[in-house]
N, C-alpha and C. Protein backbone atom coordinates (compact mmCIF):
# COMPACT_ATOMS: atom_id res chain seq x y z
N UNK A 1 12.24 5.94 22.32
CA UNK A 1 12.98 6.54 21.22
C UNK A 1 12.60 5.85 19.91
N UNK A 2 12.24 6.64 18.92
CA UNK A 2 11.83 6.08 17.63
C UNK A 2 13.07 5.82 16.78
N UNK A 3 13.22 4.60 16.31
CA UNK A 3 14.40 4.27 15.51
C UNK A 3 14.06 4.07 14.05
N UNK A 4 12.79 4.22 13.71
CA UNK A 4 12.42 4.11 12.30
C UNK A 4 12.70 5.46 11.64
N UNK A 5 13.00 5.42 10.36
CA UNK A 5 13.34 6.64 9.63
C UNK A 5 12.08 7.14 8.91
N UNK A 6 11.45 8.17 9.46
CA UNK A 6 10.20 8.69 8.91
C UNK A 6 10.46 9.74 7.86
N UNK A 7 9.79 9.60 6.72
CA UNK A 7 9.81 10.61 5.67
C UNK A 7 8.36 11.06 5.54
N UNK A 8 8.05 12.21 6.12
CA UNK A 8 6.66 12.68 6.21
C UNK A 8 6.48 13.87 5.29
N UNK A 9 5.45 13.78 4.44
CA UNK A 9 5.15 14.92 3.57
C UNK A 9 3.65 15.19 3.61
N UNK A 10 3.26 16.36 3.14
CA UNK A 10 1.86 16.74 3.17
C UNK A 10 1.40 17.28 1.83
N UNK A 11 0.13 17.03 1.52
CA UNK A 11 -0.52 17.60 0.34
C UNK A 11 -1.74 18.35 0.83
N UNK A 12 -1.81 19.63 0.56
CA UNK A 12 -2.92 20.49 1.01
C UNK A 12 -3.06 20.50 2.53
N UNK A 13 -1.94 20.30 3.22
CA UNK A 13 -1.98 20.31 4.68
C UNK A 13 -0.60 20.74 5.18
N UNK A 14 -0.61 21.53 6.24
CA UNK A 14 0.63 21.93 6.90
C UNK A 14 0.95 20.82 7.89
N UNK A 15 2.08 20.15 7.69
CA UNK A 15 2.46 19.05 8.58
C UNK A 15 3.07 19.68 9.84
N UNK A 16 2.22 19.85 10.84
CA UNK A 16 2.63 20.49 12.09
C UNK A 16 3.47 19.54 12.94
N UNK A 17 4.13 20.09 13.95
CA UNK A 17 4.89 19.26 14.88
C UNK A 17 3.96 18.25 15.56
N UNK A 18 2.73 18.69 15.87
CA UNK A 18 1.75 17.80 16.51
C UNK A 18 1.44 16.60 15.64
N UNK A 19 1.25 16.84 14.35
CA UNK A 19 0.97 15.73 13.43
C UNK A 19 2.19 14.82 13.29
N UNK A 20 3.38 15.44 13.16
CA UNK A 20 4.61 14.63 13.05
C UNK A 20 4.77 13.73 14.28
N UNK A 21 4.54 14.31 15.45
CA UNK A 21 4.68 13.56 16.69
C UNK A 21 3.65 12.42 16.74
N UNK A 22 2.40 12.71 16.34
CA UNK A 22 1.35 11.68 16.34
C UNK A 22 1.74 10.53 15.41
N UNK A 23 2.23 10.87 14.22
CA UNK A 23 2.64 9.84 13.26
C UNK A 23 3.78 9.02 13.84
N UNK A 24 4.81 9.69 14.36
CA UNK A 24 5.97 8.97 14.88
C UNK A 24 5.62 8.11 16.09
N UNK A 25 4.74 8.63 16.96
CA UNK A 25 4.34 7.86 18.14
C UNK A 25 3.52 6.63 17.74
N UNK A 26 2.51 6.85 16.90
CA UNK A 26 1.59 5.76 16.55
C UNK A 26 2.26 4.74 15.64
N UNK A 27 2.82 5.20 14.52
CA UNK A 27 3.45 4.28 13.57
C UNK A 27 4.74 3.72 14.18
N UNK A 28 5.35 4.49 15.08
CA UNK A 28 6.55 4.05 15.77
C UNK A 28 6.33 2.76 16.56
N UNK A 29 5.07 2.48 16.92
CA UNK A 29 4.75 1.23 17.62
C UNK A 29 5.11 0.02 16.76
N UNK A 30 5.18 0.22 15.45
CA UNK A 30 5.50 -0.88 14.54
C UNK A 30 6.99 -1.21 14.55
N UNK A 31 7.81 -0.39 15.23
CA UNK A 31 9.24 -0.65 15.22
C UNK A 31 9.60 -1.99 15.83
N UNK A 32 8.68 -2.56 16.62
CA UNK A 32 8.97 -3.88 17.19
C UNK A 32 9.03 -4.96 16.11
N UNK A 33 8.54 -4.64 14.91
CA UNK A 33 8.56 -5.60 13.81
C UNK A 33 9.77 -5.41 12.90
N UNK A 34 10.29 -4.18 12.84
CA UNK A 34 11.32 -3.86 11.85
C UNK A 34 12.66 -3.55 12.50
N UNK A 35 13.72 -3.69 11.71
CA UNK A 35 15.05 -3.33 12.20
C UNK A 35 15.16 -1.80 12.22
N UNK A 36 16.10 -1.29 13.04
CA UNK A 36 16.28 0.17 13.10
C UNK A 36 16.59 0.72 11.71
N UNK A 37 16.26 1.97 11.51
CA UNK A 37 16.49 2.69 10.26
C UNK A 37 15.63 2.20 9.09
N UNK A 38 14.59 1.41 9.39
CA UNK A 38 13.63 1.06 8.34
C UNK A 38 12.96 2.36 7.90
N UNK A 39 12.86 2.55 6.58
CA UNK A 39 12.23 3.77 6.07
C UNK A 39 10.72 3.63 6.05
N UNK A 40 10.06 4.65 6.54
CA UNK A 40 8.60 4.70 6.53
C UNK A 40 8.20 5.97 5.80
N UNK A 41 7.56 5.81 4.65
CA UNK A 41 7.11 6.97 3.87
C UNK A 41 5.66 7.28 4.25
N UNK A 42 5.43 8.48 4.72
CA UNK A 42 4.09 8.88 5.16
C UNK A 42 3.68 10.13 4.40
N UNK A 43 2.49 10.06 3.79
CA UNK A 43 1.94 11.25 3.13
C UNK A 43 0.59 11.55 3.76
N UNK A 44 0.46 12.76 4.27
CA UNK A 44 -0.80 13.23 4.83
C UNK A 44 -1.43 14.15 3.79
N UNK A 45 -2.72 13.98 3.54
CA UNK A 45 -3.36 14.86 2.57
C UNK A 45 -4.79 15.17 2.98
N UNK A 46 -5.26 16.32 2.53
CA UNK A 46 -6.62 16.76 2.83
C UNK A 46 -7.31 17.12 1.53
N UNK A 47 -8.51 16.58 1.37
CA UNK A 47 -9.34 16.89 0.21
C UNK A 47 -10.75 17.09 0.76
N UNK A 48 -11.21 18.32 0.78
CA UNK A 48 -12.48 18.67 1.43
C UNK A 48 -12.45 18.17 2.87
N UNK A 49 -13.37 17.28 3.27
CA UNK A 49 -13.34 16.81 4.67
C UNK A 49 -12.69 15.43 4.79
N UNK A 50 -11.97 15.04 3.73
CA UNK A 50 -11.29 13.73 3.73
C UNK A 50 -9.85 13.91 4.21
N UNK A 51 -9.56 13.38 5.39
CA UNK A 51 -8.21 13.46 5.97
C UNK A 51 -7.55 12.11 5.74
N UNK A 52 -6.58 12.08 4.85
CA UNK A 52 -6.02 10.81 4.41
C UNK A 52 -4.55 10.69 4.82
N UNK A 53 -4.20 9.48 5.26
CA UNK A 53 -2.79 9.15 5.51
C UNK A 53 -2.45 7.93 4.66
N UNK A 54 -1.30 8.01 3.99
CA UNK A 54 -0.78 6.89 3.22
C UNK A 54 0.57 6.52 3.83
N UNK A 55 0.74 5.25 4.15
CA UNK A 55 2.00 4.77 4.73
C UNK A 55 2.55 3.66 3.85
N UNK A 56 3.82 3.81 3.47
CA UNK A 56 4.49 2.80 2.65
C UNK A 56 5.80 2.43 3.34
N UNK A 57 6.00 1.12 3.53
CA UNK A 57 7.23 0.63 4.16
C UNK A 57 7.85 -0.38 3.19
N UNK A 58 8.88 0.04 2.44
CA UNK A 58 9.51 -0.91 1.53
C UNK A 58 10.43 -1.86 2.28
N UNK A 59 10.23 -3.15 2.09
CA UNK A 59 11.15 -4.17 2.63
C UNK A 59 11.48 -5.09 1.47
N UNK A 60 12.61 -5.73 1.54
CA UNK A 60 13.11 -6.49 0.39
C UNK A 60 12.02 -7.32 -0.31
N UNK A 61 11.77 -6.97 -1.57
CA UNK A 61 10.84 -7.74 -2.37
C UNK A 61 9.38 -7.45 -2.13
N UNK A 62 9.06 -6.66 -1.11
CA UNK A 62 7.66 -6.36 -0.81
C UNK A 62 7.50 -4.90 -0.43
N UNK A 63 6.28 -4.43 -0.56
CA UNK A 63 5.94 -3.10 -0.06
C UNK A 63 4.77 -3.28 0.87
N UNK A 64 4.94 -2.85 2.10
CA UNK A 64 3.84 -2.89 3.06
C UNK A 64 3.19 -1.52 2.98
N UNK A 65 1.89 -1.48 2.67
CA UNK A 65 1.25 -0.21 2.40
C UNK A 65 -0.17 -0.19 2.92
N UNK A 66 -0.58 0.97 3.41
CA UNK A 66 -1.97 1.15 3.78
C UNK A 66 -2.31 2.62 3.67
N UNK A 67 -3.55 2.88 3.32
CA UNK A 67 -4.03 4.26 3.38
C UNK A 67 -5.37 4.25 4.08
N UNK A 68 -5.59 5.26 4.88
CA UNK A 68 -6.85 5.36 5.62
C UNK A 68 -7.37 6.78 5.51
N UNK A 69 -8.68 6.88 5.44
CA UNK A 69 -9.33 8.18 5.30
C UNK A 69 -10.40 8.30 6.37
N UNK A 70 -10.47 9.46 7.00
CA UNK A 70 -11.57 9.76 7.92
C UNK A 70 -11.75 11.27 7.88
N UNK A 71 -12.61 11.79 8.75
CA UNK A 71 -12.77 13.24 8.77
C UNK A 71 -11.87 13.87 9.82
N UNK A 72 -10.97 13.08 10.41
CA UNK A 72 -10.05 13.57 11.43
C UNK A 72 -8.70 12.89 11.22
N UNK A 73 -7.66 13.68 10.97
CA UNK A 73 -6.34 13.12 10.65
C UNK A 73 -5.82 12.20 11.76
N UNK A 74 -6.09 12.55 13.02
CA UNK A 74 -5.60 11.72 14.12
C UNK A 74 -6.29 10.35 14.13
N UNK A 75 -7.56 10.32 13.74
CA UNK A 75 -8.28 9.05 13.62
C UNK A 75 -7.67 8.23 12.48
N UNK A 76 -7.38 8.89 11.37
CA UNK A 76 -6.77 8.20 10.22
C UNK A 76 -5.42 7.59 10.61
N UNK A 77 -4.63 8.34 11.40
CA UNK A 77 -3.32 7.85 11.85
C UNK A 77 -3.50 6.60 12.72
N UNK A 78 -4.46 6.64 13.64
CA UNK A 78 -4.73 5.46 14.48
C UNK A 78 -5.12 4.25 13.64
N UNK A 79 -6.02 4.47 12.68
CA UNK A 79 -6.52 3.38 11.85
C UNK A 79 -5.40 2.74 11.04
N UNK A 80 -4.54 3.57 10.46
CA UNK A 80 -3.51 3.04 9.56
C UNK A 80 -2.53 2.16 10.32
N UNK A 81 -2.21 2.52 11.55
CA UNK A 81 -1.28 1.70 12.34
C UNK A 81 -1.90 0.33 12.62
N UNK A 82 -3.18 0.30 12.98
CA UNK A 82 -3.86 -0.97 13.26
C UNK A 82 -3.89 -1.86 12.03
N UNK A 83 -4.17 -1.27 10.87
CA UNK A 83 -4.26 -2.04 9.62
C UNK A 83 -2.90 -2.64 9.27
N UNK A 84 -1.84 -1.85 9.38
CA UNK A 84 -0.50 -2.37 9.03
C UNK A 84 -0.10 -3.48 9.99
N UNK A 85 -0.41 -3.31 11.28
CA UNK A 85 -0.06 -4.36 12.24
C UNK A 85 -0.82 -5.65 11.90
N UNK A 86 -2.08 -5.53 11.53
CA UNK A 86 -2.87 -6.70 11.14
C UNK A 86 -2.27 -7.35 9.89
N UNK A 87 -1.86 -6.53 8.91
CA UNK A 87 -1.25 -7.07 7.69
C UNK A 87 0.02 -7.84 8.03
N UNK A 88 0.85 -7.26 8.91
CA UNK A 88 2.11 -7.90 9.26
C UNK A 88 1.87 -9.26 9.91
N UNK A 89 0.87 -9.34 10.76
CA UNK A 89 0.58 -10.62 11.43
C UNK A 89 -0.04 -11.62 10.46
N UNK A 90 -0.98 -11.13 9.65
CA UNK A 90 -1.71 -12.03 8.76
C UNK A 90 -0.82 -12.62 7.67
N UNK A 91 0.07 -11.79 7.12
CA UNK A 91 0.86 -12.23 5.97
C UNK A 91 2.30 -12.56 6.31
N UNK A 92 2.58 -12.71 7.62
CA UNK A 92 3.97 -12.92 8.03
C UNK A 92 4.64 -14.04 7.23
N UNK A 93 3.99 -15.18 7.12
CA UNK A 93 4.63 -16.31 6.44
C UNK A 93 4.79 -16.07 4.94
N UNK A 94 4.04 -15.12 4.41
CA UNK A 94 4.15 -14.83 2.98
C UNK A 94 5.22 -13.77 2.71
N UNK A 95 5.39 -12.80 3.63
CA UNK A 95 6.34 -11.72 3.35
C UNK A 95 7.73 -11.99 3.91
N UNK A 96 7.84 -12.96 4.78
CA UNK A 96 9.13 -13.20 5.42
C UNK A 96 9.80 -14.43 4.83
N UNK A 97 10.91 -14.18 4.12
CA UNK A 97 11.79 -15.25 3.69
C UNK A 97 12.99 -15.11 4.62
N UNK A 98 13.12 -16.03 5.58
CA UNK A 98 14.10 -15.86 6.66
C UNK A 98 15.52 -15.58 6.15
N UNK A 99 15.89 -16.19 5.03
CA UNK A 99 17.24 -15.98 4.51
C UNK A 99 17.43 -14.55 4.00
N UNK A 100 16.42 -14.03 3.32
CA UNK A 100 16.57 -12.71 2.70
C UNK A 100 16.11 -11.57 3.60
N UNK A 101 15.08 -11.79 4.39
CA UNK A 101 14.43 -10.70 5.09
C UNK A 101 14.96 -10.41 6.47
N UNK A 102 15.90 -11.21 6.94
CA UNK A 102 16.34 -11.03 8.32
C UNK A 102 16.95 -9.65 8.55
N UNK A 103 17.41 -9.00 7.49
CA UNK A 103 17.95 -7.66 7.63
C UNK A 103 16.90 -6.59 7.77
N UNK A 104 15.63 -6.94 7.64
CA UNK A 104 14.56 -5.94 7.67
C UNK A 104 13.66 -6.06 8.88
N UNK A 105 13.54 -7.28 9.43
CA UNK A 105 12.59 -7.52 10.50
C UNK A 105 13.30 -7.89 11.80
N UNK A 106 12.67 -7.56 12.92
CA UNK A 106 13.20 -7.91 14.23
C UNK A 106 13.13 -9.43 14.43
N UNK A 107 14.10 -10.03 15.12
CA UNK A 107 14.09 -11.48 15.36
C UNK A 107 12.82 -11.94 16.06
N UNK A 108 12.29 -11.14 16.99
CA UNK A 108 11.07 -11.54 17.72
C UNK A 108 9.90 -11.72 16.74
N UNK A 109 9.81 -10.84 15.75
CA UNK A 109 8.74 -10.95 14.75
C UNK A 109 8.96 -12.18 13.87
N UNK A 110 10.21 -12.40 13.48
CA UNK A 110 10.52 -13.53 12.60
C UNK A 110 10.21 -14.86 13.28
N UNK A 111 10.45 -14.93 14.60
CA UNK A 111 10.29 -16.19 15.32
C UNK A 111 8.87 -16.43 15.82
N UNK A 112 8.12 -15.37 16.04
CA UNK A 112 6.79 -15.53 16.62
C UNK A 112 5.81 -16.08 15.59
N UNK A 113 4.97 -16.98 16.05
CA UNK A 113 3.93 -17.52 15.18
C UNK A 113 2.65 -16.74 15.42
N UNK A 114 2.05 -16.29 14.36
CA UNK A 114 0.77 -15.57 14.46
C UNK A 114 -0.30 -16.48 13.87
N UNK A 115 -1.49 -16.38 14.42
CA UNK A 115 -2.60 -17.14 13.87
C UNK A 115 -2.86 -16.62 12.46
N UNK A 116 -2.76 -17.51 11.50
CA UNK A 116 -3.10 -17.07 10.16
C UNK A 116 -4.61 -17.06 10.06
N UNK A 117 -5.13 -15.90 9.67
CA UNK A 117 -6.59 -15.81 9.58
C UNK A 117 -7.08 -16.80 8.54
N UNK A 118 -6.81 -16.50 7.31
CA UNK A 118 -7.16 -17.45 6.26
C UNK A 118 -6.14 -17.32 5.16
N UNK A 119 -5.78 -18.44 4.57
CA UNK A 119 -4.86 -18.38 3.46
C UNK A 119 -5.53 -17.67 2.30
N UNK A 120 -4.71 -17.05 1.49
CA UNK A 120 -5.22 -16.43 0.27
C UNK A 120 -5.57 -17.58 -0.67
N UNK A 121 -6.80 -17.60 -1.11
CA UNK A 121 -7.25 -18.67 -2.01
C UNK A 121 -7.74 -18.06 -3.31
N UNK A 122 -7.15 -18.48 -4.40
CA UNK A 122 -7.63 -18.07 -5.71
C UNK A 122 -8.71 -19.07 -6.09
N UNK A 123 -9.93 -18.57 -6.25
CA UNK A 123 -11.04 -19.50 -6.49
C UNK A 123 -11.49 -19.50 -7.94
N UNK A 124 -10.90 -18.61 -8.74
CA UNK A 124 -11.32 -18.58 -10.12
C UNK A 124 -10.18 -18.06 -10.99
N UNK A 125 -10.00 -18.68 -12.13
CA UNK A 125 -8.98 -18.25 -13.08
C UNK A 125 -9.66 -17.95 -14.40
N UNK A 126 -9.33 -16.80 -14.96
CA UNK A 126 -9.89 -16.44 -16.26
C UNK A 126 -8.75 -16.32 -17.25
N UNK A 127 -8.99 -16.76 -18.45
CA UNK A 127 -8.02 -16.59 -19.53
C UNK A 127 -8.72 -15.84 -20.65
N UNK A 128 -8.00 -14.90 -21.22
CA UNK A 128 -8.57 -14.18 -22.33
C UNK A 128 -7.47 -13.65 -23.22
N UNK A 129 -7.83 -13.36 -24.45
CA UNK A 129 -6.90 -12.84 -25.44
C UNK A 129 -6.65 -11.37 -25.13
N UNK A 130 -5.39 -11.00 -24.96
CA UNK A 130 -5.06 -9.60 -24.68
C UNK A 130 -4.77 -8.93 -26.00
N UNK A 131 -5.63 -7.99 -26.36
CA UNK A 131 -5.49 -7.30 -27.63
C UNK A 131 -4.75 -5.98 -27.43
N UNK A 132 -3.89 -5.62 -28.38
CA UNK A 132 -3.23 -4.32 -28.28
C UNK A 132 -4.26 -3.19 -28.41
N UNK A 133 -4.19 -2.22 -27.52
CA UNK A 133 -5.08 -1.05 -27.60
C UNK A 133 -4.44 0.08 -26.82
N UNK A 134 -4.98 1.27 -27.00
CA UNK A 134 -4.49 2.44 -26.27
C UNK A 134 -5.19 2.50 -24.92
N UNK A 135 -4.52 3.09 -23.90
CA UNK A 135 -5.11 3.14 -22.57
C UNK A 135 -6.53 3.73 -22.53
N UNK A 136 -6.78 4.75 -23.33
CA UNK A 136 -8.12 5.36 -23.36
C UNK A 136 -9.16 4.36 -23.85
N UNK A 137 -8.79 3.57 -24.87
CA UNK A 137 -9.70 2.54 -25.39
C UNK A 137 -9.93 1.45 -24.34
N UNK A 138 -8.88 1.14 -23.58
CA UNK A 138 -9.01 0.14 -22.52
C UNK A 138 -10.00 0.63 -21.45
N UNK A 139 -9.98 1.94 -21.16
CA UNK A 139 -10.93 2.52 -20.18
C UNK A 139 -12.36 2.37 -20.68
N UNK A 140 -12.55 2.62 -21.97
CA UNK A 140 -13.89 2.48 -22.55
C UNK A 140 -14.33 1.02 -22.46
N UNK A 141 -13.43 0.09 -22.78
CA UNK A 141 -13.75 -1.33 -22.73
C UNK A 141 -14.10 -1.75 -21.30
N UNK A 142 -13.35 -1.24 -20.33
CA UNK A 142 -13.60 -1.54 -18.92
C UNK A 142 -15.00 -1.07 -18.54
N UNK A 143 -15.35 0.15 -18.96
CA UNK A 143 -16.68 0.69 -18.66
C UNK A 143 -17.77 -0.16 -19.30
N UNK A 144 -17.55 -0.58 -20.56
CA UNK A 144 -18.54 -1.41 -21.26
C UNK A 144 -18.76 -2.74 -20.55
N UNK A 145 -17.69 -3.27 -19.94
CA UNK A 145 -17.81 -4.54 -19.22
C UNK A 145 -18.36 -4.36 -17.81
N UNK A 146 -18.37 -3.12 -17.32
CA UNK A 146 -18.84 -2.87 -15.97
C UNK A 146 -17.84 -3.29 -14.91
N UNK A 147 -16.56 -3.35 -15.27
CA UNK A 147 -15.51 -3.74 -14.32
C UNK A 147 -14.85 -2.50 -13.73
N UNK A 148 -14.03 -2.69 -12.67
CA UNK A 148 -13.31 -1.55 -12.13
C UNK A 148 -11.81 -1.62 -12.46
N UNK A 149 -11.40 -2.62 -13.26
CA UNK A 149 -10.04 -2.66 -13.81
C UNK A 149 -10.10 -3.44 -15.12
N UNK A 150 -9.05 -3.27 -15.94
CA UNK A 150 -9.01 -3.95 -17.22
C UNK A 150 -7.55 -4.16 -17.61
N UNK A 151 -7.21 -5.41 -17.95
CA UNK A 151 -5.84 -5.77 -18.36
C UNK A 151 -5.79 -5.75 -19.87
N UNK A 152 -4.73 -5.12 -20.42
CA UNK A 152 -4.62 -5.02 -21.87
C UNK A 152 -3.15 -4.89 -22.27
N UNK A 153 -2.89 -5.06 -23.56
CA UNK A 153 -1.54 -4.84 -24.09
C UNK A 153 -1.52 -3.42 -24.65
N UNK A 154 -0.64 -2.59 -24.13
CA UNK A 154 -0.57 -1.19 -24.55
C UNK A 154 0.01 -1.12 -25.96
N UNK A 155 -0.77 -0.57 -26.89
CA UNK A 155 -0.37 -0.50 -28.30
C UNK A 155 0.87 0.38 -28.49
N UNK A 156 1.10 1.32 -27.57
CA UNK A 156 2.25 2.21 -27.69
C UNK A 156 3.54 1.55 -27.21
N UNK A 157 3.45 0.74 -26.16
CA UNK A 157 4.66 0.18 -25.55
C UNK A 157 4.80 -1.33 -25.75
N UNK A 158 3.73 -1.98 -26.22
CA UNK A 158 3.70 -3.43 -26.41
C UNK A 158 3.91 -4.18 -25.09
N UNK A 159 3.51 -3.56 -23.96
CA UNK A 159 3.62 -4.21 -22.65
C UNK A 159 2.23 -4.37 -22.05
N UNK A 160 2.12 -5.36 -21.15
CA UNK A 160 0.86 -5.57 -20.44
C UNK A 160 0.68 -4.44 -19.43
N UNK A 161 -0.48 -3.79 -19.48
CA UNK A 161 -0.83 -2.70 -18.57
C UNK A 161 -2.19 -2.98 -17.97
N UNK A 162 -2.53 -2.22 -16.93
CA UNK A 162 -3.85 -2.31 -16.31
C UNK A 162 -4.37 -0.89 -16.16
N UNK A 163 -5.63 -0.69 -16.57
CA UNK A 163 -6.30 0.57 -16.24
C UNK A 163 -7.28 0.24 -15.12
N UNK A 164 -7.53 1.22 -14.26
CA UNK A 164 -8.46 0.99 -13.16
C UNK A 164 -9.22 2.26 -12.86
N UNK A 165 -10.38 2.05 -12.26
CA UNK A 165 -11.27 3.15 -11.91
C UNK A 165 -10.83 3.73 -10.57
N UNK A 166 -10.77 5.05 -10.50
CA UNK A 166 -10.43 5.74 -9.26
C UNK A 166 -11.64 6.51 -8.78
N UNK A 167 -11.55 7.04 -7.57
CA UNK A 167 -12.65 7.85 -7.04
C UNK A 167 -12.80 9.10 -7.91
N UNK A 168 -14.00 9.62 -7.95
CA UNK A 168 -14.23 10.87 -8.67
C UNK A 168 -14.24 10.69 -10.18
N UNK A 169 -14.65 9.52 -10.65
CA UNK A 169 -14.73 9.24 -12.09
C UNK A 169 -13.43 9.53 -12.83
N UNK A 170 -12.32 9.16 -12.23
CA UNK A 170 -11.03 9.28 -12.92
C UNK A 170 -10.47 7.87 -13.09
N UNK A 171 -9.38 7.78 -13.85
CA UNK A 171 -8.80 6.47 -14.15
C UNK A 171 -7.33 6.47 -13.83
N UNK A 172 -6.80 5.28 -13.53
CA UNK A 172 -5.38 5.10 -13.30
C UNK A 172 -4.84 4.10 -14.29
N UNK A 173 -3.54 4.20 -14.55
CA UNK A 173 -2.85 3.28 -15.45
C UNK A 173 -1.68 2.67 -14.70
N UNK A 174 -1.58 1.35 -14.73
CA UNK A 174 -0.45 0.66 -14.13
C UNK A 174 0.37 0.06 -15.26
N UNK A 175 1.66 0.43 -15.27
CA UNK A 175 2.54 -0.13 -16.28
C UNK A 175 3.82 -0.61 -15.62
N UNK A 176 4.46 -1.64 -16.19
CA UNK A 176 5.65 -2.18 -15.55
C UNK A 176 6.82 -1.20 -15.63
N UNK A 177 7.69 -1.25 -14.61
CA UNK A 177 8.92 -0.46 -14.66
C UNK A 177 9.87 -1.15 -15.58
N UNK A 178 10.56 -0.37 -16.40
CA UNK A 178 11.49 -0.96 -17.37
C UNK A 178 12.89 -0.89 -16.84
C-alpha cells in the first residue's frame, strides 16, 4: 500500500492509469525513507521523442528533486527513482537535521549510516563586483563570457538574480522569493 501522497500531472501527455500505477509503484519504493503522507510532485511531459519525468519532494528546509529524460517514459520513471534514492543516501547527513526533520523521514533512514561517497568540496571561490543590469543584458554578458549562468544585480528589483542557459537556446531567470 502506497502511503505517499502523489500529485501527478502531465504536459503534452495523457496520464493514463498505467503511467500513474508505474509512478506510484516505482517512486513508492522511496516510502521507506519518508513518513506517511509525504507529498511527491510528479510531472510527466513529452517533447518530440523526449519522455521526461520531474519529481519534487519538499521536506523541511530542502527540496529533493530529480528529472530524467529518455525515449521511453517507463525508463525515465525507473531512472528517476534510482537517482533520488542515491541522492538520499549520499546527502543524508546534509539533509537530515534530527531535531527538525524527524517529522519527515522514517526512523530507519535517520538511524542508518550510508557510505558517504565524497563530501562536497568547494575548490575555488570567485569574487566580483555585481553591477546592476537588466536580465536581458545579463544574458548577453553571460554569452560574451562563454558561461552557462551569470549572477547579477537586477536593475529593476535591486536584488541578486541569476540568468542561466536552457536547452534550445533559451534562458532562465532565478530570482529570490520576497
